């Protein structure tokens, strides 16, 4: 939750994109990022949404999030030029490391680029 919250809150604060929609766009990306770091904690959720394992759970989360009608940050007015500021501001927040380890700058930027 910390990781997802940091990214979404920072995107909303820096870009003015709508809060709920940003959360919907980001949840598949943050889930994919957090799953290997917190697998034991997320395993009951994975088993609840699919019998197909981790990859199927990532797809199921993405499918559920897509029901919001937006799947890309660019649909919300977020621009590629915004991502460096989001990555920098997010990296300053200690919650980014929950679950540990915190992503390095390149990993964080790839995640944001994937969501754009």
Foldseek 3Di string as FASTA:
>chain_A
DLQLCLLLVLCCVQFVFDRVLSSLQQVLLVCLVCCVLPVVVCVVVQVVQDPPPDVVSSVSSNVVSCVVVDHAVVVRVDDLVCLVVSLVSSVVDPSCQVPDDRDPSVVSSVSNVVRD
